[in-house]
C-alpha atoms as a PDB file:
ATOM      1  CA  MET A   1       0.000   0.000   0.000  1.00  0.00           C
ATOM      2  CA  LYS A   2       1.179   3.511  -0.769  1.00  0.00           C
ATOM      3  CA  PRO A   3       1.316   5.681   2.363  1.00  0.00           C
ATOM      4  CA  PHE A   4      -0.906   8.619   3.187  1.00  0.00           C
ATOM      5  CA  LEU A   5       0.566  12.081   3.821  1.00  0.00           C
ATOM      6  CA  LEU A   6      -0.398  14.282   6.793  1.00  0.00           C
ATOM      7  CA  LEU A   7       0.393  17.985   6.425  1.00  0.00           C
ATOM      8  CA  ALA A   8       0.580  19.609   9.857  1.00  0.00           C
ATOM      9  CA  THR A   9       1.081  23.215  10.946  1.00  0.00           C
ATOM     10  CA  ARG A  10       1.089  23.202  14.767  1.00  0.00           C
ATOM     11  CA  ALA A  11       4.268  24.667  16.257  1.00  0.00           C
ATOM     12  CA  GLU A  12       3.651  23.302  19.764  1.00  0.00           C
ATOM     13  CA  ASP A  13       5.056  19.781  20.078  1.00  0.00           C
ATOM     14  CA  VAL A  14       2.520  18.336  22.530  1.00  0.00           C
ATOM     15  CA  PRO A  15      -0.665  19.097  20.544  1.00  0.00           C
ATOM     16  CA  ALA A  16       1.185  18.426  17.271  1.00  0.00           C
ATOM     17  CA  ASP A  17       2.284  14.969  18.381  1.00  0.00           C
ATOM     18  CA  GLU A  18      -1.116  14.189  19.873  1.00  0.00           C
ATOM     19  CA  GLU A  19      -2.777  15.208  16.597  1.00  0.00           C
ATOM     20  CA  TYR A  20      -0.584  12.724  14.738  1.00  0.00           C
ATOM     21  CA  GLU A  21      -1.391   9.961  17.252  1.00  0.00           C
ATOM     22  CA  LEU A  22      -5.115  10.652  16.875  1.00  0.00           C
ATOM     23  CA  PHE A  23      -4.925  10.538  13.084  1.00  0.00           C
ATOM     24  CA  LEU A  24      -3.152   7.190  13.406  1.00  0.00           C
ATOM     25  CA  ARG A  25      -5.835   5.888  15.748  1.00  0.00           C
ATOM     26  CA  TYR A  26      -8.865   6.936  13.724  1.00  0.00           C
ATOM     27  CA  THR A  27      -7.471   6.123  10.301  1.00  0.00           C
ATOM     28  CA  GLY A  28      -6.198   2.762  11.500  1.00  0.00           C
ATOM     29  CA  LEU A  29      -2.836   3.421   9.851  1.00  0.00           C
ATOM     30  CA  ARG A  30       0.643   2.595  11.145  1.00  0.00           C
ATOM     31  CA  GLU A  31       3.389   5.203  11.359  1.00  0.00           C
ATOM     32  CA  ASP A  32       4.978   3.922   8.157  1.00  0.00           C
ATOM     33  CA  GLN A  33       1.586   4.271   6.432  1.00  0.00           C
ATOM     34  CA  LEU A  34       0.952   7.876   7.558  1.00  0.00           C
ATOM     35  CA  VAL A  35       3.902  10.181   6.914  1.00  0.00           C
ATOM     36  CA  ARG A  36       3.791  13.535   8.697  1.00  0.00           C
ATOM     37  CA  ARG A  37       5.298  16.751   7.347  1.00  0.00           C
ATOM     38  CA  ARG A  38       5.354  19.695   9.768  1.00  0.00           C
ATOM     39  CA  LEU A  39       5.038  22.672   7.467  1.00  0.00           C
ATOM     40  CA  GLU A  40       5.548  25.217  10.232  1.00  0.00           C
ATOM     41  CA  ALA A  41       9.075  23.805  10.621  1.00  0.00           C
ATOM     42  CA  GLU A  42      10.219  23.307   7.030  1.00  0.00           C
ATOM     43  CA  PRO A  43       9.058  23.879   3.442  1.00  0.00           C
ATOM     44  CA  LEU A  44       6.874  21.263   1.820  1.00  0.00           C
ATOM     45  CA  GLY A  45       9.060  20.702  -1.210  1.00  0.00           C
ATOM     46  CA  ARG A  46       7.860  18.864  -4.297  1.00  0.00           C
ATOM     47  CA  ILE A  47       5.098  16.299  -3.788  1.00  0.00           C
ATOM     48  CA  ASP A  48       4.512  13.622  -6.427  1.00  0.00           C
ATOM     49  CA  LEU A  49       0.853  12.760  -5.937  1.00  0.00           C
ATOM     50  CA  ASP A  50       1.384   9.349  -7.502  1.00  0.00           C
ATOM     51  CA  ASP A  51       3.488   8.386  -4.471  1.00  0.00           C
ATOM     52  CA  TRP A  52       0.573   8.679  -2.049  1.00  0.00           C
ATOM     53  CA  SER A  53      -2.780   7.021  -1.413  1.00  0.00           C
ATOM     54  CA  GLY A  54      -4.158  10.344  -0.227  1.00  0.00           C
ATOM     55  CA  ILE A  55      -3.417  13.536   1.685  1.00  0.00           C
ATOM     56  CA  PHE A  56      -4.663  14.830   5.037  1.00  0.00           C
ATOM     57  CA  VAL A  57      -4.373  18.388   6.342  1.00  0.00           C
ATOM     58  CA  GLY A  58      -4.781  18.786  10.083  1.00  0.00           C
ATOM     59  CA  GLY A  59      -5.900  21.790  12.107  1.00  0.00           C
ATOM     60  CA  GLY A  60      -3.677  24.685  12.985  1.00  0.00           C
ATOM     61  CA  PRO A  61      -3.322  28.280  14.149  1.00  0.00           C
ATOM     62  CA  PHE A  62      -3.607  29.969  10.743  1.00  0.00           C
ATOM     63  CA  ASN A  63      -6.722  31.784   9.516  1.00  0.00           C
ATOM     64  CA  ALA A  64      -7.255  32.163   5.785  1.00  0.00           C
ATOM     65  CA  SER A  65      -9.274  35.348   6.282  1.00  0.00           C
ATOM     66  CA  ASP A  66      -6.546  37.234   8.164  1.00  0.00           C
ATOM     67  CA  PRO A  67      -5.309  40.347   6.314  1.00  0.00           C
ATOM     68  CA  VAL A  68      -2.185  39.577   4.323  1.00  0.00           C
ATOM     69  CA  GLU A  69      -0.168  42.118   6.301  1.00  0.00           C
ATOM     70  CA  ALA A  70      -1.116  40.337   9.548  1.00  0.00           C
ATOM     71  CA  LYS A  71       0.095  36.942   8.366  1.00  0.00           C
ATOM     72  CA  SER A  72       3.551  35.745   9.326  1.00  0.00           C
ATOM     73  CA  ALA A  73       6.104  34.757   6.709  1.00  0.00           C
ATOM     74  CA  VAL A  74       5.556  31.115   7.718  1.00  0.00           C
ATOM     75  CA  GLN A  75       1.795  31.378   7.234  1.00  0.00           C
ATOM     76  CA  ARG A  76       2.195  32.986   3.824  1.00  0.00           C
ATOM     77  CA  ARG A  77       4.621  30.253   2.776  1.00  0.00           C
ATOM     78  CA  VAL A  78       2.364  27.450   4.021  1.00  0.00           C
ATOM     79  CA  GLU A  79      -0.674  28.932   2.282  1.00  0.00           C
ATOM     80  CA  ALA A  80       1.209  29.245  -0.990  1.00  0.00           C
ATOM     81  CA  GLU A  81       2.524  25.674  -0.739  1.00  0.00           C
ATOM     82  CA  ILE A  82      -0.874  24.150   0.001  1.00  0.00           C
ATOM     83  CA  SER A  83      -2.580  26.256  -2.658  1.00  0.00           C
ATOM     84  CA  GLY A  84      -0.047  25.086  -5.219  1.00  0.00           C
ATOM     85  CA  LEU A  85      -0.591  21.496  -4.161  1.00  0.00           C
ATOM     86  CA  LEU A  86      -4.365  21.927  -4.407  1.00  0.00           C
ATOM     87  CA  ASP A  87      -4.004  23.120  -7.999  1.00  0.00           C
ATOM     88  CA  GLU A  88      -2.991  19.585  -8.948  1.00  0.00           C
ATOM     89  CA  VAL A  89      -5.075  17.766  -6.317  1.00  0.00           C
ATOM     90  CA  ILE A  90      -8.329  19.319  -7.525  1.00  0.00           C
ATOM     91  CA  ALA A  91      -7.460  19.157 -11.214  1.00  0.00           C
ATOM     92  CA  ARG A  92      -6.809  15.422 -10.870  1.00  0.00           C
ATOM     93  CA  ASP A  93      -9.447  14.834  -8.147  1.00  0.00           C
ATOM     94  CA  VAL A  94      -6.840  13.178  -5.918  1.00  0.00           C
ATOM     95  CA  PRO A  95      -8.037  11.946  -2.486  1.00  0.00           C
ATOM     96  CA  PHE A  96      -7.626  14.795  -0.007  1.00  0.00           C
ATOM     97  CA  PHE A  97      -9.105  15.389   3.434  1.00  0.00           C
ATOM     98  CA  GLY A  98      -8.738  18.724   5.223  1.00  0.00           C
ATOM     99  CA  ALA A  99      -9.845  18.999   8.859  1.00  0.00           C
ATOM    100  CA  CYS A 100     -10.607  22.470  10.295  1.00  0.00           C
ATOM    101  CA  TYR A 101      -7.662  24.430   8.811  1.00  0.00           C
ATOM    102  CA  GLY A 102      -8.146  22.205   5.790  1.00  0.00           C
ATOM    103  CA  ILE A 103     -11.565  23.695   5.115  1.00  0.00           C
ATOM    104  CA  GLY A 104      -9.982  27.140   4.938  1.00  0.00           C
ATOM    105  CA  THR A 105      -7.317  25.969   2.497  1.00  0.00           C
ATOM    106  CA  VAL A 106      -9.731  24.222   0.139  1.00  0.00           C
ATOM    107  CA  GLY A 107     -12.361  26.923   0.541  1.00  0.00           C
ATOM    108  CA  ALA A 108      -9.894  29.717  -0.212  1.00  0.00           C
ATOM    109  CA  HIS A 109      -8.558  27.835  -3.219  1.00  0.00           C
ATOM    110  CA  GLU A 110     -12.060  27.453  -4.634  1.00  0.00           C
ATOM    111  CA  GLY A 111     -13.139  31.043  -3.994  1.00  0.00           C
ATOM    112  CA  ALA A 112     -15.336  30.623  -0.921  1.00  0.00           C
ATOM    113  CA  VAL A 113     -16.210  33.619   1.224  1.00  0.00           C
ATOM    114  CA  ILE A 114     -14.426  33.031   4.541  1.00  0.00           C
ATOM    115  CA  ASP A 115     -14.842  35.360   7.503  1.00  0.00           C
ATOM    116  CA  GLY A 116     -15.770  35.464  11.185  1.00  0.00           C
ATOM    117  CA  THR A 117     -19.554  35.441  10.718  1.00  0.00           C
ATOM    118  CA  TYR A 118     -19.953  31.828  11.811  1.00  0.00           C
ATOM    119  CA  ARG A 119     -17.076  31.441  14.229  1.00  0.00           C
ATOM    120  CA  GLU A 120     -17.811  28.939  16.992  1.00  0.00           C
ATOM    121  CA  PRO A 121     -16.332  28.748  20.491  1.00  0.00           C
ATOM    122  CA  ILE A 122     -14.587  25.540  21.483  1.00  0.00           C
ATOM    123  CA  SER A 123     -17.396  23.136  22.302  1.00  0.00           C
ATOM    124  CA  VAL A 124     -19.432  20.163  21.120  1.00  0.00           C
ATOM    125  CA  VAL A 125     -22.247  20.874  18.659  1.00  0.00           C
ATOM    126  CA  GLU A 126     -24.752  18.749  16.802  1.00  0.00           C
ATOM    127  CA  VAL A 127     -24.413  18.736  13.006  1.00  0.00           C
ATOM    128  CA  THR A 128     -26.636  17.187  10.330  1.00  0.00           C
ATOM    129  CA  ARG A 129     -26.009  15.367   7.055  1.00  0.00           C
ATOM    130  CA  THR A 130     -27.542  16.923   3.957  1.00  0.00           C
ATOM    131  CA  ALA A 131     -29.250  14.772   1.316  1.00  0.00           C
ATOM    132  CA  ALA A 132     -25.917  14.625  -0.519  1.00  0.00           C
ATOM    133  CA  GLY A 133     -24.132  13.743   2.691  1.00  0.00           C
ATOM    134  CA  ALA A 134     -26.493  10.876   3.409  1.00  0.00           C
ATOM    135  CA  VAL A 135     -25.337   9.095   0.244  1.00  0.00           C
ATOM    136  CA  ASP A 136     -21.658  10.024   0.461  1.00  0.00           C
ATOM    137  CA  PRO A 137     -19.482   6.954   1.182  1.00  0.00           C
ATOM    138  CA  LEU A 138     -17.534   8.703   3.943  1.00  0.00           C
ATOM    139  CA  LEU A 139     -20.703   9.425   5.909  1.00  0.00           C
ATOM    140  CA  ALA A 140     -22.617   6.206   5.295  1.00  0.00           C
ATOM    141  CA  GLU A 141     -21.990   4.856   8.819  1.00  0.00           C
ATOM    142  CA  LEU A 142     -23.106   8.036  10.592  1.00  0.00           C
ATOM    143  CA  PRO A 143     -26.607   8.951  11.780  1.00  0.00           C
ATOM    144  CA  ASP A 144     -28.310  11.949  10.186  1.00  0.00           C
ATOM    145  CA  THR A 145     -27.427  14.088  13.222  1.00  0.00           C
ATOM    146  CA  PHE A 146     -24.267  13.580  15.251  1.00  0.00           C
ATOM    147  CA  ALA A 147     -22.059  15.426  17.737  1.00  0.00           C
ATOM    148  CA  ALA A 148     -18.733  16.957  16.731  1.00  0.00           C
ATOM    149  CA  PHE A 149     -15.943  19.008  18.299  1.00  0.00           C
ATOM    150  CA  VAL A 150     -15.625  22.574  16.994  1.00  0.00           C
ATOM    151  CA  GLY A 151     -13.622  25.675  17.803  1.00  0.00           C
ATOM    152  CA  HIS A 152     -12.723  28.166  15.088  1.00  0.00           C
ATOM    153  CA  LYS A 153     -12.365  31.899  14.511  1.00  0.00           C
ATOM    154  CA  GLU A 154     -13.519  31.798  10.880  1.00  0.00           C
ATOM    155  CA  ALA A 155     -15.776  29.704   8.666  1.00  0.00           C
ATOM    156  CA  ILE A 156     -17.221  29.623   5.177  1.00  0.00           C
ATOM    157  CA  THR A 157     -20.052  32.087   4.698  1.00  0.00           C
ATOM    158  CA  VAL A 158     -20.614  31.443   0.984  1.00  0.00           C
ATOM    159  CA  LEU A 159     -19.801  28.014  -0.426  1.00  0.00           C
ATOM    160  CA  PRO A 160     -18.236  28.029  -3.921  1.00  0.00           C
ATOM    161  CA  SER A 161     -20.225  26.537  -6.805  1.00  0.00           C
ATOM    162  CA  SER A 162     -17.632  23.767  -7.187  1.00  0.00           C
ATOM    163  CA  ALA A 163     -18.455  22.385  -3.738  1.00  0.00           C
ATOM    164  CA  THR A 164     -21.205  20.039  -2.558  1.00  0.00           C
ATOM    165  CA  LEU A 165     -22.443  20.620   0.999  1.00  0.00           C
ATOM    166  CA  LEU A 166     -22.422  17.358   2.972  1.00  0.00           C
ATOM    167  CA  VAL A 167     -22.920  18.401   6.612  1.00  0.00           C
ATOM    168  CA  ARG A 168     -24.513  21.555   7.990  1.00  0.00           C
ATOM    169  CA  GLY A 169     -24.759  23.058  11.462  1.00  0.00           C
ATOM    170  CA  GLU A 170     -27.210  25.380  13.150  1.00  0.00           C
ATOM    171  CA  THR A 171     -24.627  27.974  14.195  1.00  0.00           C
ATOM    172  CA  CYS A 172     -22.184  27.303  11.330  1.00  0.00           C
ATOM    173  CA  PRO A 173     -23.949  26.343   8.082  1.00  0.00           C
ATOM    174  CA  VAL A 174     -20.933  24.793   6.296  1.00  0.00           C
ATOM    175  CA  GLN A 175     -19.520  21.970   8.395  1.00  0.00           C
ATOM    176  CA  MET A 176     -18.365  19.602   5.633  1.00  0.00           C
ATOM    177  CA  PHE A 177     -18.191  19.712   1.853  1.00  0.00           C
ATOM    178  CA  ARG A 178     -16.741  17.861  -1.111  1.00  0.00           C
ATOM    179  CA  VAL A 179     -15.144  19.150  -4.314  1.00  0.00           C
ATOM    180  CA  GLY A 180     -15.304  16.725  -7.214  1.00  0.00           C
ATOM    181  CA  GLN A 181     -15.626  13.170  -5.938  1.00  0.00           C
ATOM    182  CA  ASN A 182     -12.545  12.820  -3.751  1.00  0.00           C
ATOM    183  CA  VAL A 183     -11.598  16.153  -2.141  1.00  0.00           C
ATOM    184  CA  TYR A 184     -13.162  16.639   1.300  1.00  0.00           C
ATOM    185  CA  ALA A 185     -13.010  19.266   4.035  1.00  0.00           C
ATOM    186  CA  THR A 186     -14.600  19.581   7.470  1.00  0.00           C
ATOM    187  CA  GLN A 187     -15.018  22.571   9.761  1.00  0.00           C
ATOM    188  CA  PHE A 188     -15.363  20.253  12.752  1.00  0.00           C
ATOM    189  CA  HIS A 189     -12.542  18.047  14.038  1.00  0.00           C
ATOM    190  CA  PRO A 190     -13.063  14.363  13.125  1.00  0.00           C
ATOM    191  CA  GLU A 191      -9.616  13.485  14.494  1.00  0.00           C
ATOM    192  CA  LEU A 192     -10.281  14.526  18.092  1.00  0.00           C
ATOM    193  CA  ASP A 193     -11.401  12.818  21.260  1.00  0.00           C
ATOM    194  CA  VAL A 194     -12.163  14.615  24.515  1.00  0.00           C
ATOM    195  CA  GLU A 195      -8.609  14.163  25.806  1.00  0.00           C
ATOM    196  CA  GLY A 196      -7.158  15.517  22.563  1.00  0.00           C
ATOM    197  CA  ILE A 197      -9.314  18.624  22.492  1.00  0.00           C
ATOM    198  CA  SER A 198      -8.582  19.216  26.182  1.00  0.00           C
ATOM    199  CA  THR A 199      -4.859  19.225  25.378  1.00  0.00           C
ATOM    200  CA  ARG A 200      -5.462  21.855  22.700  1.00  0.00           C
ATOM    201  CA  ILE A 201      -7.615  23.971  25.001  1.00  0.00           C
ATOM    202  CA  ARG A 202      -4.752  24.147  27.490  1.00  0.00           C
ATOM    203  CA  ALA A 203      -2.101  24.653  24.790  1.00  0.00           C
ATOM    204  CA  TYR A 204      -3.961  27.501  23.080  1.00  0.00           C
ATOM    205  CA  ALA A 205      -5.205  29.362  26.150  1.00  0.00           C
ATOM    206  CA  GLY A 206      -4.497  32.999  25.433  1.00  0.00           C
ATOM    207  CA  HIS A 207      -4.795  32.576  21.647  1.00  0.00           C
ATOM    208  CA  GLY A 208      -8.238  34.182  21.500  1.00  0.00           C
ATOM    209  CA  TYR A 209     -10.418  31.068  21.380  1.00  0.00           C
ATOM    210  CA  PHE A 210     -11.901  31.872  24.786  1.00  0.00           C
ATOM    211  CA  ALA A 211     -11.682  34.710  27.284  1.00  0.00           C
ATOM    212  CA  PRO A 212      -9.185  34.794  30.133  1.00  0.00           C
ATOM    213  CA  GLY A 213     -10.648  32.976  33.101  1.00  0.00           C
ATOM    214  CA  GLU A 214     -12.817  30.662  30.954  1.00  0.00           C
ATOM    215  CA  LEU A 215     -10.456  27.692  30.844  1.00  0.00           C
ATOM    216  CA  ASP A 216     -12.561  25.493  33.125  1.00  0.00           C
ATOM    217  CA  LEU A 217     -15.802  26.507  31.378  1.00  0.00           C
ATOM    218  CA  THR A 218     -14.283  25.578  28.024  1.00  0.00           C
ATOM    219  CA  LEU A 219     -13.027  22.232  29.321  1.00  0.00           C
ATOM    220  CA  ASP A 220     -16.554  21.541  30.585  1.00  0.00           C
ATOM    221  CA  ALA A 221     -18.099  22.599  27.258  1.00  0.00           C
ATOM    222  CA  VAL A 222     -16.362  19.802  25.332  1.00  0.00           C
ATOM    223  CA  ARG A 223     -17.842  17.247  27.698  1.00  0.00           C
ATOM    224  CA  ARG A 224     -21.457  18.292  27.388  1.00  0.00           C
ATOM    225  CA  LEU A 225     -22.219  15.669  24.713  1.00  0.00           C
ATOM    226  CA  PRO A 226     -20.426  12.430  23.862  1.00  0.00           C
ATOM    227  CA  VAL A 227     -18.649  12.516  20.482  1.00  0.00           C
ATOM    228  CA  THR A 228     -18.692   8.960  19.165  1.00  0.00           C
ATOM    229  CA  HIS A 229     -19.128   9.022  15.386  1.00  0.00           C
ATOM    230  CA  THR A 230     -16.768  11.491  13.726  1.00  0.00           C
ATOM    231  CA  GLY A 231     -13.673   9.297  13.813  1.00  0.00           C
ATOM    232  CA  THR A 232     -15.390   6.850  11.471  1.00  0.00           C
ATOM    233  CA  ILE A 233     -15.138   9.484   8.712  1.00  0.00           C
ATOM    234  CA  LEU A 234     -11.338   9.206   8.734  1.00  0.00           C
ATOM    235  CA  ALA A 235     -11.515   5.422   8.803  1.00  0.00           C
ATOM    236  CA  ALA A 236     -13.884   5.450   5.824  1.00  0.00           C
ATOM    237  CA  PHE A 237     -11.575   7.780   3.884  1.00  0.00           C
ATOM    238  CA  THR A 238      -8.626   5.481   4.513  1.00  0.00           C
ATOM    239  CA  ARG A 239     -10.500   2.325   3.522  1.00  0.00           C
ATOM    240  CA  ARG A 240     -11.831   3.954   0.374  1.00  0.00           C
ATOM    241  CA  TYR A 241      -8.529   5.289  -0.922  1.00  0.00           C
ATOM    242  CA  ALA A 242      -5.813   2.947   0.327  1.00  0.00           C
ATOM    243  CA  ARG A 243      -4.074   1.523  -2.758  1.00  0.00           C
END
């Protein structure tokens, strides 16, 4: 089997390493089957898509809607590298799955309107499959409505015409979409469990996701509903595209 590639952007080692471990767990892949590249640490370099079964993009600290002048040199480089990669990924409809930050990369590439209108605090929310989502192979094992971890400063306000909406939310309308047949992105975090999101809450305290003094409230918020279904999306992606 050709390996899968995980593109990561977290500079903090603890949440970065835990993210990788969670992707391994929910995809069912071994370390030699899921190769991680930490883009915040080094340039991506040339990627031959024929070498990989598929590509994952994890979450991260970057916001696509930030003004260009507010973006660091690293963020600008990472955005340019992923956008260049998506040129070929989307043209060839290569298997790709972007989680949280991934929805901003694919959305920006396709011309979505991305802003802070539908930002969501770190919490658990219920999301719902659309008619298209109900027949999508990645969502076949999920109920029509399921709980998911969220926490983001920006979201898609207007979905591009090239995208098919698969999952919607009450407070954030675009929670998952597909471009072509094989390029997917989620606003929610399918790779997380409650321990993983708790690690991130502690790691990113002071980064503007919640107010000072709300750490305990935020930790409680991610325990208000059990999240039991979203990891199956990553497993379904891996089964479908492993080659």
